[in-house]
């Protein structure tokens, strides 16, 4: 309902697609509505908004005005901060459907497993080493204070650390100091997939 008391609808004039920089409160609205066992029609009746508009809000297709958000909040028995906090929590989660591939000039594929945030202390990655891959340089946090942890998800790798050679197979892991170089190779004919976690940010972001 707008300032004039009219029902807000999905086709409200002047309302364009949801901007990318707007907070998407849709998932939080849907979760709260289902917690209260309300249908879209129930919420529409409680809030004075249209079913179509609320459906579009929940699916992230449109963003409610401040007045509409207040009406939705009141109908769901929460204050507006509930939706802001729920959205901030979602930023801590990276969904499988939204992987982040790091674009670097390397035969190794780097997939970031977490979202970045200020004062982040660790960073987890999936590394995919192509068949026959041989390290040309030690680029896994070398020279930084802290620790690294490596777990082989699939395949087999070999490597060198502090002058000693080693080999790891699926299910094997390695915990090491980042101050020394770690060289990794994939001597097999299949891809090797590794989980890596380290106390260094390999690829800083602006996020």
C-alpha atoms as a PDB file:
ATOM      1  CA  UNK A   1       0.000   0.000   0.000  1.00  0.00           C
ATOM      2  CA  UNK A   2       1.486   3.345  -1.001  1.00  0.00           C
ATOM      3  CA  UNK A   3       1.298   6.695   0.781  1.00  0.00           C
ATOM      4  CA  UNK A   4      -2.112   7.298  -0.753  1.00  0.00           C
ATOM      5  CA  UNK A   5      -3.440   4.047   0.684  1.00  0.00           C
ATOM      6  CA  UNK A   6      -3.598   2.136  -2.604  1.00  0.00           C
ATOM      7  CA  UNK A   7      -2.693  -1.512  -2.896  1.00  0.00           C
ATOM      8  CA  UNK A   8       0.802  -2.013  -4.259  1.00  0.00           C
ATOM      9  CA  UNK A   9       0.844  -4.484  -7.130  1.00  0.00           C
ATOM     10  CA  UNK A  10       3.496  -6.317  -9.117  1.00  0.00           C
ATOM     11  CA  UNK A  11       2.843  -4.052 -12.085  1.00  0.00           C
ATOM     12  CA  UNK A  12       2.989  -0.772 -10.163  1.00  0.00           C
ATOM     13  CA  UNK A  13       3.883   2.042 -12.601  1.00  0.00           C
ATOM     14  CA  UNK A  14       7.431   3.309 -12.337  1.00  0.00           C
ATOM     15  CA  UNK A  15       8.730   0.208 -10.535  1.00  0.00           C
ATOM     16  CA  UNK A  16      11.520  -1.335 -12.582  1.00  0.00           C
ATOM     17  CA  UNK A  17      13.505  -4.538 -12.077  1.00  0.00           C
ATOM     18  CA  UNK A  18      15.266  -4.964  -8.741  1.00  0.00           C
ATOM     19  CA  UNK A  19      18.618  -3.207  -8.832  1.00  0.00           C
ATOM     20  CA  UNK A  20      21.659  -5.372  -8.141  1.00  0.00           C
ATOM     21  CA  UNK A  21      22.777  -3.148  -5.263  1.00  0.00           C
ATOM     22  CA  UNK A  22      19.497  -3.490  -3.396  1.00  0.00           C
ATOM     23  CA  UNK A  23      19.180  -5.919  -0.535  1.00  0.00           C
ATOM     24  CA  UNK A  24      17.171  -8.954  -1.582  1.00  0.00           C
ATOM     25  CA  UNK A  25      14.896  -9.647   1.383  1.00  0.00           C
ATOM     26  CA  UNK A  26      12.810 -12.193  -0.535  1.00  0.00           C
ATOM     27  CA  UNK A  27      14.260 -15.380   1.006  1.00  0.00           C
ATOM     28  CA  UNK A  28      13.849 -13.965   4.535  1.00  0.00           C
ATOM     29  CA  UNK A  29      10.218 -13.037   3.823  1.00  0.00           C
ATOM     30  CA  UNK A  30       9.490 -16.536   2.528  1.00  0.00           C
ATOM     31  CA  UNK A  31      11.175 -18.242   5.500  1.00  0.00           C
ATOM     32  CA  UNK A  32       9.302 -16.111   8.036  1.00  0.00           C
ATOM     33  CA  UNK A  33       5.974 -16.593   6.236  1.00  0.00           C
ATOM     34  CA  UNK A  34       6.413 -20.372   6.262  1.00  0.00           C
ATOM     35  CA  UNK A  35       7.437 -20.315   9.928  1.00  0.00           C
ATOM     36  CA  UNK A  36       4.042 -18.753  10.631  1.00  0.00           C
ATOM     37  CA  UNK A  37       2.350 -21.266   8.291  1.00  0.00           C
ATOM     38  CA  UNK A  38       0.916 -18.464   6.181  1.00  0.00           C
ATOM     39  CA  UNK A  39       0.037 -18.712   2.511  1.00  0.00           C
ATOM     40  CA  UNK A  40       0.797 -15.901   0.099  1.00  0.00           C
ATOM     41  CA  UNK A  41      -2.890 -15.031   0.241  1.00  0.00           C
ATOM     42  CA  UNK A  42      -2.791 -14.905   4.056  1.00  0.00           C
ATOM     43  CA  UNK A  43       0.170 -12.530   4.002  1.00  0.00           C
ATOM     44  CA  UNK A  44      -1.463 -10.412   1.309  1.00  0.00           C
ATOM     45  CA  UNK A  45      -4.595 -10.024   3.431  1.00  0.00           C
ATOM     46  CA  UNK A  46      -2.592  -9.198   6.558  1.00  0.00           C
ATOM     47  CA  UNK A  47      -0.392  -6.639   4.826  1.00  0.00           C
ATOM     48  CA  UNK A  48      -2.842  -5.111   2.385  1.00  0.00           C
ATOM     49  CA  UNK A  49      -0.524  -5.903  -0.526  1.00  0.00           C
ATOM     50  CA  UNK A  50      -1.304  -8.025  -3.563  1.00  0.00           C
ATOM     51  CA  UNK A  51      -0.449 -11.727  -3.797  1.00  0.00           C
ATOM     52  CA  UNK A  52       1.418 -11.098  -7.054  1.00  0.00           C
ATOM     53  CA  UNK A  53       3.545  -8.349  -5.507  1.00  0.00           C
ATOM     54  CA  UNK A  54       4.507 -10.429  -2.460  1.00  0.00           C
ATOM     55  CA  UNK A  55       5.354 -13.362  -4.731  1.00  0.00           C
ATOM     56  CA  UNK A  56       7.687 -11.145  -6.750  1.00  0.00           C
ATOM     57  CA  UNK A  57       9.329  -9.846  -3.567  1.00  0.00           C
ATOM     58  CA  UNK A  58       9.954 -13.405  -2.346  1.00  0.00           C
ATOM     59  CA  UNK A  59      11.486 -14.374  -5.693  1.00  0.00           C
ATOM     60  CA  UNK A  60      13.705 -11.297  -5.770  1.00  0.00           C
ATOM     61  CA  UNK A  61      11.983  -9.915  -8.862  1.00  0.00           C
ATOM     62  CA  UNK A  62      11.158  -6.598  -7.229  1.00  0.00           C
ATOM     63  CA  UNK A  63      12.046  -4.669  -4.091  1.00  0.00           C
ATOM     64  CA  UNK A  64       9.370  -3.232  -1.785  1.00  0.00           C
ATOM     65  CA  UNK A  65       9.197   0.437  -0.903  1.00  0.00           C
ATOM     66  CA  UNK A  66       9.859   1.440   2.703  1.00  0.00           C
ATOM     67  CA  UNK A  67       6.117   1.643   3.352  1.00  0.00           C
ATOM     68  CA  UNK A  68       5.507  -1.806   1.846  1.00  0.00           C
ATOM     69  CA  UNK A  69       8.403  -3.253   3.839  1.00  0.00           C
ATOM     70  CA  UNK A  70       6.900  -1.879   7.036  1.00  0.00           C
ATOM     71  CA  UNK A  71       3.556  -3.466   6.135  1.00  0.00           C
ATOM     72  CA  UNK A  72       5.200  -6.836   5.448  1.00  0.00           C
ATOM     73  CA  UNK A  73       7.204  -6.616   8.681  1.00  0.00           C
ATOM     74  CA  UNK A  74       4.106  -5.847  10.735  1.00  0.00           C
ATOM     75  CA  UNK A  75       2.144  -8.645   9.067  1.00  0.00           C
ATOM     76  CA  UNK A  76       4.936 -11.110   9.886  1.00  0.00           C
ATOM     77  CA  UNK A  77       5.377  -9.882  13.463  1.00  0.00           C
ATOM     78  CA  UNK A  78       8.961  -8.674  13.073  1.00  0.00           C
ATOM     79  CA  UNK A  79      10.707  -5.334  12.690  1.00  0.00           C
ATOM     80  CA  UNK A  80      12.507  -4.204   9.555  1.00  0.00           C
ATOM     81  CA  UNK A  81      15.922  -5.059  11.045  1.00  0.00           C
ATOM     82  CA  UNK A  82      14.944  -8.734  10.944  1.00  0.00           C
ATOM     83  CA  UNK A  83      15.244  -8.731   7.151  1.00  0.00           C
ATOM     84  CA  UNK A  84      18.518  -6.782   7.116  1.00  0.00           C
ATOM     85  CA  UNK A  85      20.125  -9.168   9.619  1.00  0.00           C
ATOM     86  CA  UNK A  86      18.836 -12.235   7.754  1.00  0.00           C
ATOM     87  CA  UNK A  87      20.320 -10.881   4.522  1.00  0.00           C
ATOM     88  CA  UNK A  88      23.678 -10.240   6.201  1.00  0.00           C
ATOM     89  CA  UNK A  89      23.716 -13.842   7.429  1.00  0.00           C
ATOM     90  CA  UNK A  90      23.135 -15.028   3.858  1.00  0.00           C
ATOM     91  CA  UNK A  91      26.289 -13.159   2.794  1.00  0.00           C
ATOM     92  CA  UNK A  92      28.279 -15.504   5.044  1.00  0.00           C
ATOM     93  CA  UNK A  93      27.088 -18.452   2.962  1.00  0.00           C
ATOM     94  CA  UNK A  94      28.298 -19.470  -0.483  1.00  0.00           C
ATOM     95  CA  UNK A  95      25.830 -21.671  -2.322  1.00  0.00           C
ATOM     96  CA  UNK A  96      26.912 -24.585  -4.533  1.00  0.00           C
ATOM     97  CA  UNK A  97      24.967 -23.011  -7.394  1.00  0.00           C
ATOM     98  CA  UNK A  98      27.172 -19.902  -7.243  1.00  0.00           C
ATOM     99  CA  UNK A  99      30.837 -20.994  -7.365  1.00  0.00           C
ATOM    100  CA  UNK A 100      33.562 -18.386  -7.726  1.00  0.00           C
ATOM    101  CA  UNK A 101      36.277 -19.347 -10.184  1.00  0.00           C
ATOM    102  CA  UNK A 102      39.438 -17.262  -9.880  1.00  0.00           C
ATOM    103  CA  UNK A 103      40.580 -15.919 -13.239  1.00  0.00           C
ATOM    104  CA  UNK A 104      44.356 -16.366 -13.230  1.00  0.00           C
ATOM    105  CA  UNK A 105      46.857 -17.418 -15.868  1.00  0.00           C
ATOM    106  CA  UNK A 106      47.436 -20.920 -14.517  1.00  0.00           C
ATOM    107  CA  UNK A 107      46.675 -24.499 -15.578  1.00  0.00           C
ATOM    108  CA  UNK A 108      45.338 -25.034 -12.062  1.00  0.00           C
ATOM    109  CA  UNK A 109      41.657 -24.250 -11.470  1.00  0.00           C
ATOM    110  CA  UNK A 110      40.979 -22.275  -8.292  1.00  0.00           C
ATOM    111  CA  UNK A 111      37.469 -22.250  -6.820  1.00  0.00           C
ATOM    112  CA  UNK A 112      36.890 -19.996  -3.813  1.00  0.00           C
ATOM    113  CA  UNK A 113      34.630 -21.652  -1.221  1.00  0.00           C
ATOM    114  CA  UNK A 114      33.802 -18.661   0.947  1.00  0.00           C
ATOM    115  CA  UNK A 115      32.673 -15.084   0.630  1.00  0.00           C
ATOM    116  CA  UNK A 116      35.143 -12.419   1.679  1.00  0.00           C
ATOM    117  CA  UNK A 117      34.654 -10.132   4.651  1.00  0.00           C
ATOM    118  CA  UNK A 118      36.779  -7.574   6.546  1.00  0.00           C
ATOM    119  CA  UNK A 119      39.606  -8.961   8.722  1.00  0.00           C
ATOM    120  CA  UNK A 120      39.212 -12.421   7.245  1.00  0.00           C
ATOM    121  CA  UNK A 121      41.870 -14.770   8.675  1.00  0.00           C
ATOM    122  CA  UNK A 122      41.567 -17.953   6.581  1.00  0.00           C
ATOM    123  CA  UNK A 123      40.611 -18.803   3.028  1.00  0.00           C
ATOM    124  CA  UNK A 124      39.334 -22.155   1.689  1.00  0.00           C
ATOM    125  CA  UNK A 125      39.689 -23.266  -1.927  1.00  0.00           C
ATOM    126  CA  UNK A 126      39.184 -26.190  -4.232  1.00  0.00           C
ATOM    127  CA  UNK A 127      42.252 -26.734  -6.420  1.00  0.00           C
ATOM    128  CA  UNK A 128      41.887 -28.823  -9.576  1.00  0.00           C
ATOM    129  CA  UNK A 129      45.215 -30.030 -10.971  1.00  0.00           C
ATOM    130  CA  UNK A 130      45.165 -31.218 -14.572  1.00  0.00           C
ATOM    131  CA  UNK A 131      46.683 -34.608 -15.553  1.00  0.00           C
ATOM    132  CA  UNK A 132      50.464 -34.382 -15.820  1.00  0.00           C
ATOM    133  CA  UNK A 133      50.576 -31.009 -14.048  1.00  0.00           C
ATOM    134  CA  UNK A 134      54.012 -30.081 -12.676  1.00  0.00           C
ATOM    135  CA  UNK A 135      54.538 -27.068 -10.389  1.00  0.00           C
ATOM    136  CA  UNK A 136      56.645 -24.383 -12.017  1.00  0.00           C
ATOM    137  CA  UNK A 137      56.524 -22.227  -8.887  1.00  0.00           C
ATOM    138  CA  UNK A 138      55.344 -22.433  -5.308  1.00  0.00           C
ATOM    139  CA  UNK A 139      52.313 -20.170  -5.243  1.00  0.00           C
ATOM    140  CA  UNK A 140      50.288 -21.596  -2.371  1.00  0.00           C
ATOM    141  CA  UNK A 141      50.923 -18.974   0.254  1.00  0.00           C
ATOM    142  CA  UNK A 142      54.718 -19.336   0.252  1.00  0.00           C
ATOM    143  CA  UNK A 143      56.519 -16.848   2.454  1.00  0.00           C
ATOM    144  CA  UNK A 144      53.547 -15.995   4.661  1.00  0.00           C
ATOM    145  CA  UNK A 145      53.376 -16.692   8.358  1.00  0.00           C
ATOM    146  CA  UNK A 146      50.683 -19.184   9.212  1.00  0.00           C
ATOM    147  CA  UNK A 147      49.505 -22.631   8.248  1.00  0.00           C
ATOM    148  CA  UNK A 148      48.052 -24.483   5.297  1.00  0.00           C
ATOM    149  CA  UNK A 149      45.922 -27.609   5.173  1.00  0.00           C
ATOM    150  CA  UNK A 150      45.512 -29.826   2.133  1.00  0.00           C
ATOM    151  CA  UNK A 151      43.028 -32.683   1.661  1.00  0.00           C
ATOM    152  CA  UNK A 152      42.795 -34.854  -1.455  1.00  0.00           C
ATOM    153  CA  UNK A 153      39.169 -35.166  -2.542  1.00  0.00           C
ATOM    154  CA  UNK A 154      39.847 -37.095  -5.753  1.00  0.00           C
ATOM    155  CA  UNK A 155      42.895 -38.379  -7.569  1.00  0.00           C
ATOM    156  CA  UNK A 156      46.539 -38.605  -6.612  1.00  0.00           C
ATOM    157  CA  UNK A 157      49.279 -36.002  -6.261  1.00  0.00           C
ATOM    158  CA  UNK A 158      52.966 -35.838  -5.496  1.00  0.00           C
ATOM    159  CA  UNK A 159      55.026 -32.956  -4.251  1.00  0.00           C
ATOM    160  CA  UNK A 160      57.962 -31.576  -2.367  1.00  0.00           C
ATOM    161  CA  UNK A 161      58.148 -29.714   0.932  1.00  0.00           C
ATOM    162  CA  UNK A 162      61.322 -28.626   2.735  1.00  0.00           C
ATOM    163  CA  UNK A 163      63.422 -30.850   0.492  1.00  0.00           C
ATOM    164  CA  UNK A 164      61.361 -33.995   1.127  1.00  0.00           C
ATOM    165  CA  UNK A 165      59.195 -35.686  -1.503  1.00  0.00           C
ATOM    166  CA  UNK A 166      55.733 -37.021  -0.720  1.00  0.00           C
ATOM    167  CA  UNK A 167      52.674 -38.511  -2.411  1.00  0.00           C
ATOM    168  CA  UNK A 168      49.027 -38.228  -1.401  1.00  0.00           C
ATOM    169  CA  UNK A 169      45.993 -40.223  -2.537  1.00  0.00           C
ATOM    170  CA  UNK A 170      42.257 -39.719  -2.100  1.00  0.00           C
ATOM    171  CA  UNK A 171      41.472 -39.195   1.595  1.00  0.00           C
ATOM    172  CA  UNK A 172      45.050 -38.236   2.521  1.00  0.00           C
ATOM    173  CA  UNK A 173      45.796 -34.835   4.023  1.00  0.00           C
ATOM    174  CA  UNK A 174      48.722 -32.586   4.867  1.00  0.00           C
ATOM    175  CA  UNK A 175      49.115 -29.799   7.456  1.00  0.00           C
ATOM    176  CA  UNK A 176      52.119 -27.541   6.915  1.00  0.00           C
ATOM    177  CA  UNK A 177      53.744 -24.165   7.584  1.00  0.00           C
ATOM    178  CA  UNK A 178      53.309 -21.531   4.888  1.00  0.00           C
ATOM    179  CA  UNK A 179      56.785 -20.128   5.487  1.00  0.00           C
ATOM    180  CA  UNK A 180      58.269 -22.899   3.314  1.00  0.00           C
ATOM    181  CA  UNK A 181      57.569 -23.604  -0.351  1.00  0.00           C
ATOM    182  CA  UNK A 182      55.083 -26.347  -1.225  1.00  0.00           C
ATOM    183  CA  UNK A 183      55.374 -27.857  -4.711  1.00  0.00           C
ATOM    184  CA  UNK A 184      52.483 -29.940  -6.060  1.00  0.00           C
ATOM    185  CA  UNK A 185      52.340 -32.232  -9.092  1.00  0.00           C
ATOM    186  CA  UNK A 186      49.710 -34.476 -10.632  1.00  0.00           C
ATOM    187  CA  UNK A 187      51.552 -37.491 -12.089  1.00  0.00           C
ATOM    188  CA  UNK A 188      48.360 -39.382 -12.959  1.00  0.00           C
ATOM    189  CA  UNK A 189      46.219 -39.436 -16.107  1.00  0.00           C
ATOM    190  CA  UNK A 190      43.201 -38.027 -14.245  1.00  0.00           C
ATOM    191  CA  UNK A 191      42.342 -34.703 -12.636  1.00  0.00           C
ATOM    192  CA  UNK A 192      43.219 -34.281  -8.970  1.00  0.00           C
ATOM    193  CA  UNK A 193      40.802 -32.299  -6.819  1.00  0.00           C
ATOM    194  CA  UNK A 194      42.097 -30.855  -3.550  1.00  0.00           C
ATOM    195  CA  UNK A 195      40.562 -28.971  -0.653  1.00  0.00           C
ATOM    196  CA  UNK A 196      42.964 -26.306   0.572  1.00  0.00           C
ATOM    197  CA  UNK A 197      42.552 -24.075   3.622  1.00  0.00           C
ATOM    198  CA  UNK A 198      45.172 -21.554   4.647  1.00  0.00           C
ATOM    199  CA  UNK A 199      45.660 -18.664   7.039  1.00  0.00           C
ATOM    200  CA  UNK A 200      46.420 -16.310   4.171  1.00  0.00           C
ATOM    201  CA  UNK A 201      44.206 -14.617   1.598  1.00  0.00           C
ATOM    202  CA  UNK A 202      45.533 -15.848  -1.748  1.00  0.00           C
ATOM    203  CA  UNK A 203      43.404 -13.659  -3.993  1.00  0.00           C
ATOM    204  CA  UNK A 204      42.279 -10.462  -2.210  1.00  0.00           C
ATOM    205  CA  UNK A 205      38.931  -9.026  -3.248  1.00  0.00           C
ATOM    206  CA  UNK A 206      37.136  -5.760  -2.698  1.00  0.00           C
ATOM    207  CA  UNK A 207      34.283  -7.592  -0.953  1.00  0.00           C
END
